[in-house]
Amino acid sequence: MKKIKDRNWKLLSEETGLVHHKPRGLGLDIALAYPNTYYIGMSNLGFQSVYQLFNSYSGVTCERVFVPDPEIEQDLDRTRAPLLTLESQTQVSEFDVLAISVSFETDYLNIPKLLRLSRIPIKAEDRNEWHPLIVMGGAAAFLNPEPVADFVDVVCVGEGEVLVPSLMRVMNEADSREDLLLRLAREPGFYVPKFYEVHYHEDGSLGTIHPTNGAPGIHYPQPYAQAGWSRPVR
Protein backbone atom coordinates (compact mmCIF):
# COMPACT_ATOMS: atom_id res chain seq x y z
CA MET A 1 0.00 0.00 0.00
CA LYS A 2 2.85 2.41 0.80
CA LYS A 3 4.31 1.83 -2.68
CA ILE A 4 0.95 2.71 -4.23
CA LYS A 5 0.53 5.87 -2.17
CA ASP A 6 4.09 6.98 -2.90
CA ARG A 7 3.49 6.56 -6.61
CA ASN A 8 0.29 8.62 -6.42
CA TRP A 9 2.03 11.44 -4.56
CA LYS A 10 4.82 11.41 -7.13
CA LEU A 11 2.31 11.77 -9.98
CA LEU A 12 0.59 14.68 -8.21
CA SER A 13 3.88 16.45 -7.50
CA GLU A 14 4.71 16.44 -11.22
CA GLU A 15 1.38 17.88 -12.38
CA THR A 16 0.80 21.51 -13.33
CA GLY A 17 -2.22 23.56 -14.35
CA LEU A 18 -4.97 21.36 -12.93
CA VAL A 19 -7.82 22.07 -10.51
CA HIS A 20 -6.70 22.92 -6.99
CA HIS A 21 -7.73 19.99 -4.83
CA LYS A 22 -10.76 20.57 -2.63
CA PRO A 23 -11.36 18.60 0.59
CA ARG A 24 -13.98 15.87 0.61
CA GLY A 25 -17.22 16.22 2.54
CA LEU A 26 -18.43 19.51 1.01
CA GLY A 27 -21.65 17.82 -0.09
CA LEU A 28 -21.17 15.43 -3.00
CA ASP A 29 -17.99 13.40 -3.47
CA ILE A 30 -17.29 12.12 -6.98
CA ALA A 31 -14.54 9.75 -8.07
CA LEU A 32 -13.91 10.37 -11.77
CA ALA A 33 -12.36 7.34 -13.44
CA TYR A 34 -10.70 6.80 -16.77
CA PRO A 35 -10.65 3.03 -17.44
CA ASN A 36 -7.04 2.95 -18.51
CA THR A 37 -3.69 3.99 -17.07
CA TYR A 38 -2.87 7.46 -15.74
CA TYR A 39 -0.86 8.61 -18.74
CA ILE A 40 -3.51 7.54 -21.24
CA GLY A 41 -6.31 9.07 -19.18
CA MET A 42 -4.58 12.39 -18.65
CA SER A 43 -3.95 12.65 -22.40
CA ASN A 44 -7.71 12.81 -22.91
CA LEU A 45 -9.01 16.39 -23.06
CA GLY A 46 -12.61 15.31 -22.49
CA PHE A 47 -11.62 13.64 -19.22
CA GLN A 48 -9.81 16.79 -18.08
CA SER A 49 -12.81 18.95 -19.04
CA VAL A 50 -15.27 16.89 -17.00
CA TYR A 51 -12.85 16.89 -14.04
CA GLN A 52 -12.77 20.69 -14.04
CA LEU A 53 -16.52 20.91 -14.65
CA PHE A 54 -17.39 18.76 -11.63
CA ASN A 55 -14.99 20.74 -9.44
CA SER A 56 -16.53 24.04 -10.58
CA TYR A 57 -19.55 23.28 -8.36
CA SER A 58 -19.11 24.68 -4.86
CA GLY A 59 -20.70 21.67 -3.15
CA VAL A 60 -18.81 19.04 -5.12
CA THR A 61 -15.39 17.48 -4.71
CA CYS A 62 -14.13 15.43 -7.65
CA GLU A 63 -11.01 13.26 -7.47
CA ARG A 64 -9.45 11.10 -10.16
CA VAL A 65 -8.83 7.38 -10.36
CA PHE A 66 -7.28 5.22 -13.07
CA VAL A 67 -6.75 1.55 -13.83
CA PRO A 68 -3.39 0.76 -12.22
CA ASP A 69 -0.32 -0.40 -14.07
CA PRO A 70 0.11 -4.21 -14.06
CA GLU A 71 2.68 -4.10 -11.24
CA ILE A 72 0.38 -2.04 -9.01
CA GLU A 73 -2.60 -4.22 -9.92
CA GLN A 74 -0.67 -7.29 -8.79
CA ASP A 75 0.13 -5.58 -5.48
CA LEU A 76 -3.55 -4.71 -4.97
CA ASP A 77 -4.62 -8.28 -5.69
CA ARG A 78 -1.89 -9.76 -3.51
CA THR A 79 -2.63 -7.55 -0.50
CA ARG A 80 -6.38 -7.24 -1.20
CA ALA A 81 -5.97 -3.49 -0.77
CA PRO A 82 -8.66 -1.32 -2.41
CA LEU A 83 -8.08 1.07 -5.30
CA LEU A 84 -7.49 4.66 -4.13
CA THR A 85 -8.16 8.05 -5.67
CA LEU A 86 -5.20 10.14 -6.72
CA GLU A 87 -5.78 13.34 -4.74
CA SER A 88 -6.66 12.22 -1.21
CA GLN A 89 -5.74 8.52 -1.40
CA THR A 90 -9.31 7.59 -0.42
CA GLN A 91 -10.99 4.29 -1.23
CA VAL A 92 -13.14 4.66 -4.34
CA SER A 93 -15.96 2.76 -2.62
CA GLU A 94 -16.33 5.62 -0.09
CA PHE A 95 -17.44 8.13 -2.74
CA ASP A 96 -21.06 8.99 -3.54
CA VAL A 97 -20.54 8.62 -7.28
CA LEU A 98 -18.06 6.78 -9.47
CA ALA A 99 -18.21 8.52 -12.86
CA ILE A 100 -16.44 6.60 -15.62
CA SER A 101 -15.37 8.46 -18.75
CA VAL A 102 -14.98 6.06 -21.67
CA SER A 103 -13.68 7.22 -25.03
CA PHE A 104 -12.98 3.87 -26.69
CA GLU A 105 -14.96 0.63 -26.64
CA THR A 106 -11.75 -1.34 -26.09
CA ASP A 107 -11.68 0.18 -22.58
CA TYR A 108 -15.02 -1.49 -21.77
CA LEU A 109 -12.98 -4.52 -20.70
CA ASN A 110 -11.42 -2.43 -17.94
CA ILE A 111 -14.73 -1.37 -16.34
CA PRO A 112 -15.31 -4.68 -14.47
CA LYS A 113 -11.65 -4.61 -13.43
CA LEU A 114 -12.02 -1.04 -12.12
CA LEU A 115 -15.05 -2.06 -10.04
CA ARG A 116 -13.38 -5.23 -8.77
CA LEU A 117 -10.26 -3.40 -7.66
CA SER A 118 -12.44 -0.75 -6.00
CA ARG A 119 -14.23 -3.47 -3.99
CA ILE A 120 -17.56 -2.49 -5.54
CA PRO A 121 -19.97 -5.23 -6.74
CA ILE A 122 -19.43 -5.56 -10.47
CA LYS A 123 -23.07 -6.00 -11.49
CA ALA A 124 -25.54 -3.17 -10.90
CA GLU A 125 -28.17 -5.60 -9.61
CA ASP A 126 -25.84 -6.56 -6.74
CA ARG A 127 -25.35 -2.99 -5.50
CA ASN A 128 -27.51 -1.06 -3.04
CA GLU A 129 -27.89 2.51 -1.76
CA TRP A 130 -24.67 2.21 0.26
CA HIS A 131 -22.57 1.73 -2.86
CA PRO A 132 -21.47 4.57 -5.15
CA LEU A 133 -23.74 5.38 -8.07
CA ILE A 134 -21.93 4.17 -11.21
CA VAL A 135 -22.31 6.68 -14.04
CA MET A 136 -20.75 6.19 -17.48
CA GLY A 137 -20.19 8.94 -20.03
CA GLY A 138 -17.78 9.79 -22.82
CA ALA A 139 -17.63 9.21 -26.55
CA ALA A 140 -18.17 5.44 -26.27
CA ALA A 141 -21.55 6.07 -24.59
CA PHE A 142 -22.70 7.69 -27.85
CA LEU A 143 -21.74 4.60 -29.83
CA ASN A 144 -22.87 1.55 -27.89
CA PRO A 145 -23.35 1.35 -24.11
CA GLU A 146 -25.07 -2.05 -24.17
CA PRO A 147 -21.98 -4.25 -23.64
CA VAL A 148 -21.54 -2.68 -20.18
CA ALA A 149 -25.21 -2.06 -19.36
CA ASP A 150 -25.12 -4.75 -16.64
CA PHE A 151 -22.28 -2.98 -14.84
CA VAL A 152 -23.38 0.67 -14.75
CA ASP A 153 -26.37 2.42 -13.16
CA VAL A 154 -26.64 5.39 -15.52
CA VAL A 155 -25.31 6.16 -19.01
CA CYS A 156 -24.90 9.79 -20.10
CA VAL A 157 -25.53 9.90 -23.85
CA GLY A 158 -24.39 13.41 -24.73
CA GLU A 159 -21.84 16.11 -24.01
CA GLY A 160 -20.73 16.50 -20.40
CA GLU A 161 -21.14 20.28 -20.52
CA VAL A 162 -24.86 19.73 -21.23
CA LEU A 163 -25.59 16.71 -19.04
CA VAL A 164 -23.54 17.40 -15.89
CA PRO A 165 -25.78 20.35 -14.81
CA SER A 166 -28.84 18.10 -15.17
CA LEU A 167 -27.12 15.33 -13.21
CA MET A 168 -26.23 17.73 -10.40
CA ARG A 169 -29.76 19.15 -10.26
CA VAL A 170 -31.47 15.76 -10.15
CA MET A 171 -29.07 14.46 -7.50
CA ASN A 172 -30.04 17.40 -5.29
CA GLU A 173 -33.76 16.82 -5.89
CA ALA A 174 -33.94 13.03 -5.38
CA ASP A 175 -34.71 11.56 -1.95
CA SER A 176 -33.51 7.99 -2.58
CA ARG A 177 -31.40 6.00 -5.02
CA GLU A 178 -34.49 4.58 -6.75
CA ASP A 179 -36.04 8.04 -7.02
CA LEU A 180 -32.78 9.37 -8.45
CA LEU A 181 -32.64 6.68 -11.12
CA LEU A 182 -36.28 7.22 -12.13
CA ARG A 183 -35.78 10.98 -12.36
CA LEU A 184 -32.65 10.55 -14.47
CA ALA A 185 -34.43 8.08 -16.77
CA ARG A 186 -36.95 10.83 -17.54
CA GLU A 187 -34.26 13.41 -18.28
CA PRO A 188 -33.08 13.86 -21.88
CA GLY A 189 -29.67 12.29 -22.47
CA PHE A 190 -29.73 9.71 -19.66
CA TYR A 191 -30.16 5.96 -20.11
CA VAL A 192 -30.86 3.86 -17.00
CA PRO A 193 -30.47 0.21 -18.10
CA LYS A 194 -32.39 -1.32 -15.16
CA PHE A 195 -35.63 0.27 -16.39
CA TYR A 196 -35.48 -1.33 -19.84
CA GLU A 197 -35.95 -4.87 -21.08
CA VAL A 198 -33.64 -5.24 -24.06
CA HIS A 199 -34.02 -8.06 -26.56
CA TYR A 200 -31.49 -9.03 -29.21
CA HIS A 201 -31.45 -10.82 -32.52
CA GLU A 202 -29.52 -14.07 -32.87
CA ASP A 203 -26.51 -12.23 -34.31
CA GLY A 204 -26.31 -10.05 -31.18
CA SER A 205 -27.72 -6.89 -32.79
CA LEU A 206 -30.40 -4.85 -31.05
CA GLY A 207 -33.97 -6.07 -31.37
CA THR A 208 -36.44 -4.24 -29.15
CA ILE A 209 -36.31 -2.08 -26.01
CA HIS A 210 -39.30 -2.10 -23.66
CA PRO A 211 -39.40 0.47 -20.82
CA THR A 212 -40.50 -0.54 -17.32
CA ASN A 213 -41.30 1.30 -14.07
CA GLY A 214 -42.75 4.26 -15.95
CA ALA A 215 -39.50 5.03 -17.79
CA PRO A 216 -39.95 6.73 -21.18
CA GLY A 217 -39.58 4.87 -24.45
CA ILE A 218 -36.31 5.09 -26.36
CA HIS A 219 -36.47 6.36 -29.91
CA TYR A 220 -33.62 6.90 -32.35
CA PRO A 221 -33.29 7.46 -36.11
CA GLN A 222 -33.64 4.44 -38.43
CA PRO A 223 -30.00 4.56 -39.70
CA TYR A 224 -28.84 4.38 -36.09
CA ALA A 225 -31.24 1.53 -35.41
CA GLN A 226 -29.74 -0.41 -38.29
CA ALA A 227 -26.18 0.17 -37.16
CA GLY A 228 -27.64 0.02 -33.67
CA TRP A 229 -26.61 -0.81 -30.17
CA SER A 230 -25.61 -4.41 -29.75
CA ARG A 231 -23.99 -6.83 -27.38
CA PRO A 232 -21.50 -9.53 -28.26
CA VAL A 233 -23.07 -12.81 -29.33
CA ARG A 234 -23.24 -15.12 -26.33
C-alpha atoms as a PDB file:
ATOM      1  CA  MET A   1       0.000   0.000   0.000  1.00  0.00           C
ATOM      2  CA  LYS A   2       2.850   2.411   0.796  1.00  0.00           C
ATOM      3  CA  LYS A   3       4.312   1.833  -2.680  1.00  0.00           C
ATOM      4  CA  ILE A   4       0.954   2.706  -4.233  1.00  0.00           C
ATOM      5  CA  LYS A   5       0.532   5.874  -2.172  1.00  0.00           C
ATOM      6  CA  ASP A   6       4.094   6.980  -2.896  1.00  0.00           C
ATOM      7  CA  ARG A   7       3.490   6.559  -6.611  1.00  0.00           C
ATOM      8  CA  ASN A   8       0.290   8.617  -6.421  1.00  0.00           C
ATOM      9  CA  TRP A   9       2.029  11.439  -4.561  1.00  0.00           C
ATOM     10  CA  LYS A  10       4.817  11.412  -7.128  1.00  0.00           C
ATOM     11  CA  LEU A  11       2.314  11.774  -9.976  1.00  0.00           C
ATOM     12  CA  LEU A  12       0.593  14.676  -8.210  1.00  0.00           C
ATOM     13  CA  SER A  13       3.876  16.452  -7.499  1.00  0.00           C
ATOM     14  CA  GLU A  14       4.713  16.439 -11.220  1.00  0.00           C
ATOM     15  CA  GLU A  15       1.384  17.881 -12.376  1.00  0.00           C
ATOM     16  CA  THR A  16       0.802  21.505 -13.330  1.00  0.00           C
ATOM     17  CA  GLY A  17      -2.216  23.559 -14.353  1.00  0.00           C
ATOM     18  CA  LEU A  18      -4.967  21.365 -12.928  1.00  0.00           C
ATOM     19  CA  VAL A  19      -7.815  22.068 -10.509  1.00  0.00           C
ATOM     20  CA  HIS A  20      -6.703  22.920  -6.991  1.00  0.00           C
ATOM     21  CA  HIS A  21      -7.727  19.991  -4.833  1.00  0.00           C
ATOM     22  CA  LYS A  22     -10.764  20.570  -2.631  1.00  0.00           C
ATOM     23  CA  PRO A  23     -11.360  18.602   0.591  1.00  0.00           C
ATOM     24  CA  ARG A  24     -13.980  15.868   0.609  1.00  0.00           C
ATOM     25  CA  GLY A  25     -17.221  16.224   2.540  1.00  0.00           C
ATOM     26  CA  LEU A  26     -18.426  19.506   1.007  1.00  0.00           C
ATOM     27  CA  GLY A  27     -21.649  17.819  -0.086  1.00  0.00           C
ATOM     28  CA  LEU A  28     -21.170  15.429  -3.001  1.00  0.00           C
ATOM     29  CA  ASP A  29     -17.988  13.397  -3.471  1.00  0.00           C
ATOM     30  CA  ILE A  30     -17.292  12.116  -6.982  1.00  0.00           C
ATOM     31  CA  ALA A  31     -14.539   9.750  -8.074  1.00  0.00           C
ATOM     32  CA  LEU A  32     -13.915  10.373 -11.773  1.00  0.00           C
ATOM     33  CA  ALA A  33     -12.362   7.342 -13.440  1.00  0.00           C
ATOM     34  CA  TYR A  34     -10.698   6.798 -16.771  1.00  0.00           C
ATOM     35  CA  PRO A  35     -10.654   3.031 -17.440  1.00  0.00           C
ATOM     36  CA  ASN A  36      -7.041   2.951 -18.508  1.00  0.00           C
ATOM     37  CA  THR A  37      -3.691   3.986 -17.071  1.00  0.00           C
ATOM     38  CA  TYR A  38      -2.869   7.457 -15.740  1.00  0.00           C
ATOM     39  CA  TYR A  39      -0.861   8.612 -18.737  1.00  0.00           C
ATOM     40  CA  ILE A  40      -3.510   7.538 -21.241  1.00  0.00           C
ATOM     41  CA  GLY A  41      -6.311   9.066 -19.180  1.00  0.00           C
ATOM     42  CA  MET A  42      -4.575  12.391 -18.645  1.00  0.00           C
ATOM     43  CA  SER A  43      -3.948  12.646 -22.398  1.00  0.00           C
ATOM     44  CA  ASN A  44      -7.714  12.807 -22.908  1.00  0.00           C
ATOM     45  CA  LEU A  45      -9.009  16.393 -23.060  1.00  0.00           C
ATOM     46  CA  GLY A  46     -12.610  15.305 -22.492  1.00  0.00           C
ATOM     47  CA  PHE A  47     -11.622  13.645 -19.224  1.00  0.00           C
ATOM     48  CA  GLN A  48      -9.808  16.795 -18.076  1.00  0.00           C
ATOM     49  CA  SER A  49     -12.807  18.952 -19.041  1.00  0.00           C
ATOM     50  CA  VAL A  50     -15.268  16.885 -17.004  1.00  0.00           C
ATOM     51  CA  TYR A  51     -12.852  16.893 -14.043  1.00  0.00           C
ATOM     52  CA  GLN A  52     -12.769  20.686 -14.040  1.00  0.00           C
ATOM     53  CA  LEU A  53     -16.523  20.908 -14.653  1.00  0.00           C
ATOM     54  CA  PHE A  54     -17.387  18.757 -11.630  1.00  0.00           C
ATOM     55  CA  ASN A  55     -14.993  20.744  -9.441  1.00  0.00           C
ATOM     56  CA  SER A  56     -16.533  24.037 -10.582  1.00  0.00           C
ATOM     57  CA  TYR A  57     -19.545  23.277  -8.357  1.00  0.00           C
ATOM     58  CA  SER A  58     -19.113  24.677  -4.855  1.00  0.00           C
ATOM     59  CA  GLY A  59     -20.701  21.673  -3.151  1.00  0.00           C
ATOM     60  CA  VAL A  60     -18.811  19.035  -5.123  1.00  0.00           C
ATOM     61  CA  THR A  61     -15.389  17.477  -4.710  1.00  0.00           C
ATOM     62  CA  CYS A  62     -14.125  15.433  -7.651  1.00  0.00           C
ATOM     63  CA  GLU A  63     -11.010  13.258  -7.468  1.00  0.00           C
ATOM     64  CA  ARG A  64      -9.450  11.098 -10.158  1.00  0.00           C
ATOM     65  CA  VAL A  65      -8.832   7.381 -10.357  1.00  0.00           C
ATOM     66  CA  PHE A  66      -7.275   5.215 -13.070  1.00  0.00           C
ATOM     67  CA  VAL A  67      -6.751   1.551 -13.830  1.00  0.00           C
ATOM     68  CA  PRO A  68      -3.389   0.759 -12.218  1.00  0.00           C
ATOM     69  CA  ASP A  69      -0.318  -0.397 -14.068  1.00  0.00           C
ATOM     70  CA  PRO A  70       0.109  -4.214 -14.059  1.00  0.00           C
ATOM     71  CA  GLU A  71       2.683  -4.097 -11.239  1.00  0.00           C
ATOM     72  CA  ILE A  72       0.380  -2.036  -9.005  1.00  0.00           C
ATOM     73  CA  GLU A  73      -2.596  -4.216  -9.920  1.00  0.00           C
ATOM     74  CA  GLN A  74      -0.667  -7.287  -8.788  1.00  0.00           C
ATOM     75  CA  ASP A  75       0.126  -5.585  -5.477  1.00  0.00           C
ATOM     76  CA  LEU A  76      -3.553  -4.713  -4.973  1.00  0.00           C
ATOM     77  CA  ASP A  77      -4.622  -8.279  -5.689  1.00  0.00           C
ATOM     78  CA  ARG A  78      -1.887  -9.761  -3.509  1.00  0.00           C
ATOM     79  CA  THR A  79      -2.631  -7.548  -0.498  1.00  0.00           C
ATOM     80  CA  ARG A  80      -6.381  -7.237  -1.199  1.00  0.00           C
ATOM     81  CA  ALA A  81      -5.974  -3.494  -0.771  1.00  0.00           C
ATOM     82  CA  PRO A  82      -8.662  -1.317  -2.412  1.00  0.00           C
ATOM     83  CA  LEU A  83      -8.082   1.074  -5.296  1.00  0.00           C
ATOM     84  CA  LEU A  84      -7.487   4.660  -4.133  1.00  0.00           C
ATOM     85  CA  THR A  85      -8.155   8.050  -5.673  1.00  0.00           C
ATOM     86  CA  LEU A  86      -5.196  10.137  -6.722  1.00  0.00           C
ATOM     87  CA  GLU A  87      -5.783  13.336  -4.744  1.00  0.00           C
ATOM     88  CA  SER A  88      -6.658  12.223  -1.206  1.00  0.00           C
ATOM     89  CA  GLN A  89      -5.736   8.519  -1.395  1.00  0.00           C
ATOM     90  CA  THR A  90      -9.308   7.593  -0.424  1.00  0.00           C
ATOM     91  CA  GLN A  91     -10.990   4.293  -1.231  1.00  0.00           C
ATOM     92  CA  VAL A  92     -13.137   4.663  -4.339  1.00  0.00           C
ATOM     93  CA  SER A  93     -15.958   2.758  -2.617  1.00  0.00           C
ATOM     94  CA  GLU A  94     -16.335   5.615  -0.095  1.00  0.00           C
ATOM     95  CA  PHE A  95     -17.441   8.127  -2.742  1.00  0.00           C
ATOM     96  CA  ASP A  96     -21.057   8.987  -3.538  1.00  0.00           C
ATOM     97  CA  VAL A  97     -20.542   8.622  -7.285  1.00  0.00           C
ATOM     98  CA  LEU A  98     -18.064   6.776  -9.472  1.00  0.00           C
ATOM     99  CA  ALA A  99     -18.206   8.518 -12.858  1.00  0.00           C
ATOM    100  CA  ILE A 100     -16.436   6.597 -15.617  1.00  0.00           C
ATOM    101  CA  SER A 101     -15.373   8.463 -18.754  1.00  0.00           C
ATOM    102  CA  VAL A 102     -14.984   6.055 -21.670  1.00  0.00           C
ATOM    103  CA  SER A 103     -13.677   7.221 -25.030  1.00  0.00           C
ATOM    104  CA  PHE A 104     -12.976   3.875 -26.690  1.00  0.00           C
ATOM    105  CA  GLU A 105     -14.960   0.633 -26.637  1.00  0.00           C
ATOM    106  CA  THR A 106     -11.753  -1.339 -26.089  1.00  0.00           C
ATOM    107  CA  ASP A 107     -11.676   0.175 -22.581  1.00  0.00           C
ATOM    108  CA  TYR A 108     -15.024  -1.489 -21.768  1.00  0.00           C
ATOM    109  CA  LEU A 109     -12.983  -4.519 -20.701  1.00  0.00           C
ATOM    110  CA  ASN A 110     -11.422  -2.429 -17.936  1.00  0.00           C
ATOM    111  CA  ILE A 111     -14.726  -1.367 -16.340  1.00  0.00           C
ATOM    112  CA  PRO A 112     -15.309  -4.679 -14.468  1.00  0.00           C
ATOM    113  CA  LYS A 113     -11.647  -4.606 -13.433  1.00  0.00           C
ATOM    114  CA  LEU A 114     -12.025  -1.041 -12.120  1.00  0.00           C
ATOM    115  CA  LEU A 115     -15.054  -2.063 -10.042  1.00  0.00           C
ATOM    116  CA  ARG A 116     -13.383  -5.233  -8.772  1.00  0.00           C
ATOM    117  CA  LEU A 117     -10.256  -3.396  -7.656  1.00  0.00           C
ATOM    118  CA  SER A 118     -12.440  -0.752  -5.998  1.00  0.00           C
ATOM    119  CA  ARG A 119     -14.227  -3.474  -3.990  1.00  0.00           C
ATOM    120  CA  ILE A 120     -17.559  -2.489  -5.538  1.00  0.00           C
ATOM    121  CA  PRO A 121     -19.966  -5.225  -6.742  1.00  0.00           C
ATOM    122  CA  ILE A 122     -19.428  -5.561 -10.470  1.00  0.00           C
ATOM    123  CA  LYS A 123     -23.074  -5.995 -11.494  1.00  0.00           C
ATOM    124  CA  ALA A 124     -25.538  -3.169 -10.904  1.00  0.00           C
ATOM    125  CA  GLU A 125     -28.169  -5.603  -9.612  1.00  0.00           C
ATOM    126  CA  ASP A 126     -25.841  -6.560  -6.738  1.00  0.00           C
ATOM    127  CA  ARG A 127     -25.353  -2.994  -5.501  1.00  0.00           C
ATOM    128  CA  ASN A 128     -27.512  -1.060  -3.036  1.00  0.00           C
ATOM    129  CA  GLU A 129     -27.890   2.507  -1.759  1.00  0.00           C
ATOM    130  CA  TRP A 130     -24.670   2.211   0.258  1.00  0.00           C
ATOM    131  CA  HIS A 131     -22.571   1.728  -2.859  1.00  0.00           C
ATOM    132  CA  PRO A 132     -21.472   4.571  -5.153  1.00  0.00           C
ATOM    133  CA  LEU A 133     -23.738   5.381  -8.068  1.00  0.00           C
ATOM    134  CA  ILE A 134     -21.933   4.171 -11.206  1.00  0.00           C
ATOM    135  CA  VAL A 135     -22.312   6.679 -14.036  1.00  0.00           C
ATOM    136  CA  MET A 136     -20.755   6.194 -17.479  1.00  0.00           C
ATOM    137  CA  GLY A 137     -20.191   8.941 -20.033  1.00  0.00           C
ATOM    138  CA  GLY A 138     -17.783   9.792 -22.820  1.00  0.00           C
ATOM    139  CA  ALA A 139     -17.631   9.211 -26.554  1.00  0.00           C
ATOM    140  CA  ALA A 140     -18.173   5.440 -26.273  1.00  0.00           C
ATOM    141  CA  ALA A 141     -21.546   6.072 -24.592  1.00  0.00           C
ATOM    142  CA  PHE A 142     -22.705   7.691 -27.848  1.00  0.00           C
ATOM    143  CA  LEU A 143     -21.737   4.602 -29.826  1.00  0.00           C
ATOM    144  CA  ASN A 144     -22.870   1.549 -27.895  1.00  0.00           C
ATOM    145  CA  PRO A 145     -23.347   1.352 -24.114  1.00  0.00           C
ATOM    146  CA  GLU A 146     -25.069  -2.045 -24.174  1.00  0.00           C
ATOM    147  CA  PRO A 147     -21.981  -4.255 -23.641  1.00  0.00           C
ATOM    148  CA  VAL A 148     -21.536  -2.679 -20.179  1.00  0.00           C
ATOM    149  CA  ALA A 149     -25.208  -2.062 -19.363  1.00  0.00           C
ATOM    150  CA  ASP A 150     -25.118  -4.750 -16.644  1.00  0.00           C
ATOM    151  CA  PHE A 151     -22.276  -2.978 -14.839  1.00  0.00           C
ATOM    152  CA  VAL A 152     -23.384   0.670 -14.748  1.00  0.00           C
ATOM    153  CA  ASP A 153     -26.371   2.419 -13.162  1.00  0.00           C
ATOM    154  CA  VAL A 154     -26.639   5.388 -15.518  1.00  0.00           C
ATOM    155  CA  VAL A 155     -25.313   6.157 -19.005  1.00  0.00           C
ATOM    156  CA  CYS A 156     -24.901   9.785 -20.099  1.00  0.00           C
ATOM    157  CA  VAL A 157     -25.525   9.904 -23.848  1.00  0.00           C
ATOM    158  CA  GLY A 158     -24.386  13.406 -24.731  1.00  0.00           C
ATOM    159  CA  GLU A 159     -21.841  16.107 -24.008  1.00  0.00           C
ATOM    160  CA  GLY A 160     -20.730  16.499 -20.404  1.00  0.00           C
ATOM    161  CA  GLU A 161     -21.143  20.281 -20.523  1.00  0.00           C
ATOM    162  CA  VAL A 162     -24.862  19.731 -21.229  1.00  0.00           C
ATOM    163  CA  LEU A 163     -25.589  16.714 -19.037  1.00  0.00           C
ATOM    164  CA  VAL A 164     -23.538  17.402 -15.891  1.00  0.00           C
ATOM    165  CA  PRO A 165     -25.776  20.347 -14.811  1.00  0.00           C
ATOM    166  CA  SER A 166     -28.842  18.100 -15.170  1.00  0.00           C
ATOM    167  CA  LEU A 167     -27.123  15.331 -13.211  1.00  0.00           C
ATOM    168  CA  MET A 168     -26.229  17.734 -10.398  1.00  0.00           C
ATOM    169  CA  ARG A 169     -29.761  19.147 -10.264  1.00  0.00           C
ATOM    170  CA  VAL A 170     -31.466  15.757 -10.147  1.00  0.00           C
ATOM    171  CA  MET A 171     -29.070  14.456  -7.499  1.00  0.00           C
ATOM    172  CA  ASN A 172     -30.040  17.401  -5.294  1.00  0.00           C
ATOM    173  CA  GLU A 173     -33.763  16.821  -5.885  1.00  0.00           C
ATOM    174  CA  ALA A 174     -33.944  13.034  -5.377  1.00  0.00           C
ATOM    175  CA  ASP A 175     -34.706  11.565  -1.948  1.00  0.00           C
ATOM    176  CA  SER A 176     -33.515   7.987  -2.580  1.00  0.00           C
ATOM    177  CA  ARG A 177     -31.398   5.996  -5.018  1.00  0.00           C
ATOM    178  CA  GLU A 178     -34.488   4.582  -6.753  1.00  0.00           C
ATOM    179  CA  ASP A 179     -36.042   8.044  -7.025  1.00  0.00           C
ATOM    180  CA  LEU A 180     -32.780   9.373  -8.449  1.00  0.00           C
ATOM    181  CA  LEU A 181     -32.640   6.679 -11.124  1.00  0.00           C
ATOM    182  CA  LEU A 182     -36.277   7.220 -12.127  1.00  0.00           C
ATOM    183  CA  ARG A 183     -35.777  10.980 -12.360  1.00  0.00           C
ATOM    184  CA  LEU A 184     -32.648  10.550 -14.474  1.00  0.00           C
ATOM    185  CA  ALA A 185     -34.429   8.083 -16.771  1.00  0.00           C
ATOM    186  CA  ARG A 186     -36.948  10.826 -17.543  1.00  0.00           C
ATOM    187  CA  GLU A 187     -34.261  13.411 -18.278  1.00  0.00           C
ATOM    188  CA  PRO A 188     -33.080  13.856 -21.882  1.00  0.00           C
ATOM    189  CA  GLY A 189     -29.672  12.290 -22.470  1.00  0.00           C
ATOM    190  CA  PHE A 190     -29.730   9.711 -19.656  1.00  0.00           C
ATOM    191  CA  TYR A 191     -30.164   5.965 -20.107  1.00  0.00           C
ATOM    192  CA  VAL A 192     -30.859   3.859 -17.005  1.00  0.00           C
ATOM    193  CA  PRO A 193     -30.472   0.206 -18.103  1.00  0.00           C
ATOM    194  CA  LYS A 194     -32.387  -1.316 -15.160  1.00  0.00           C
ATOM    195  CA  PHE A 195     -35.629   0.275 -16.393  1.00  0.00           C
ATOM    196  CA  TYR A 196     -35.483  -1.333 -19.841  1.00  0.00           C
ATOM    197  CA  GLU A 197     -35.950  -4.875 -21.079  1.00  0.00           C
ATOM    198  CA  VAL A 198     -33.641  -5.242 -24.058  1.00  0.00           C
ATOM    199  CA  HIS A 199     -34.021  -8.060 -26.560  1.00  0.00           C
ATOM    200  CA  TYR A 200     -31.487  -9.033 -29.206  1.00  0.00           C
ATOM    201  CA  HIS A 201     -31.446 -10.817 -32.521  1.00  0.00           C
ATOM    202  CA  GLU A 202     -29.521 -14.067 -32.868  1.00  0.00           C
ATOM    203  CA  ASP A 203     -26.514 -12.230 -34.306  1.00  0.00           C
ATOM    204  CA  GLY A 204     -26.307 -10.046 -31.181  1.00  0.00           C
ATOM    205  CA  SER A 205     -27.724  -6.892 -32.790  1.00  0.00           C
ATOM    206  CA  LEU A 206     -30.402  -4.851 -31.049  1.00  0.00           C
ATOM    207  CA  GLY A 207     -33.972  -6.072 -31.373  1.00  0.00           C
ATOM    208  CA  THR A 208     -36.442  -4.236 -29.149  1.00  0.00           C
ATOM    209  CA  ILE A 209     -36.311  -2.080 -26.014  1.00  0.00           C
ATOM    210  CA  HIS A 210     -39.301  -2.104 -23.657  1.00  0.00           C
ATOM    211  CA  PRO A 211     -39.400   0.470 -20.822  1.00  0.00           C
ATOM    212  CA  THR A 212     -40.502  -0.536 -17.315  1.00  0.00           C
ATOM    213  CA  ASN A 213     -41.300   1.304 -14.074  1.00  0.00           C
ATOM    214  CA  GLY A 214     -42.746   4.260 -15.949  1.00  0.00           C
ATOM    215  CA  ALA A 215     -39.501   5.029 -17.792  1.00  0.00           C
ATOM    216  CA  PRO A 216     -39.950   6.734 -21.177  1.00  0.00           C
ATOM    217  CA  GLY A 217     -39.580   4.870 -24.452  1.00  0.00           C
ATOM    218  CA  ILE A 218     -36.312   5.092 -26.357  1.00  0.00           C
ATOM    219  CA  HIS A 219     -36.474   6.356 -29.912  1.00  0.00           C
ATOM    220  CA  TYR A 220     -33.617   6.901 -32.353  1.00  0.00           C
ATOM    221  CA  PRO A 221     -33.293   7.458 -36.113  1.00  0.00           C
ATOM    222  CA  GLN A 222     -33.641   4.436 -38.425  1.00  0.00           C
ATOM    223  CA  PRO A 223     -30.004   4.555 -39.702  1.00  0.00           C
ATOM    224  CA  TYR A 224     -28.839   4.379 -36.094  1.00  0.00           C
ATOM    225  CA  ALA A 225     -31.242   1.532 -35.407  1.00  0.00           C
ATOM    226  CA  GLN A 226     -29.743  -0.408 -38.293  1.00  0.00           C
ATOM    227  CA  ALA A 227     -26.175   0.170 -37.159  1.00  0.00           C
ATOM    228  CA  GLY A 228     -27.637   0.017 -33.670  1.00  0.00           C
ATOM    229  CA  TRP A 229     -26.607  -0.807 -30.171  1.00  0.00           C
ATOM    230  CA  SER A 230     -25.610  -4.406 -29.749  1.00  0.00           C
ATOM    231  CA  ARG A 231     -23.994  -6.830 -27.383  1.00  0.00           C
ATOM    232  CA  PRO A 232     -21.496  -9.533 -28.257  1.00  0.00           C
ATOM    233  CA  VAL A 233     -23.072 -12.813 -29.330  1.00  0.00           C
ATOM    234  CA  ARG A 234     -23.242 -15.117 -26.331  1.00  0.00           C
END
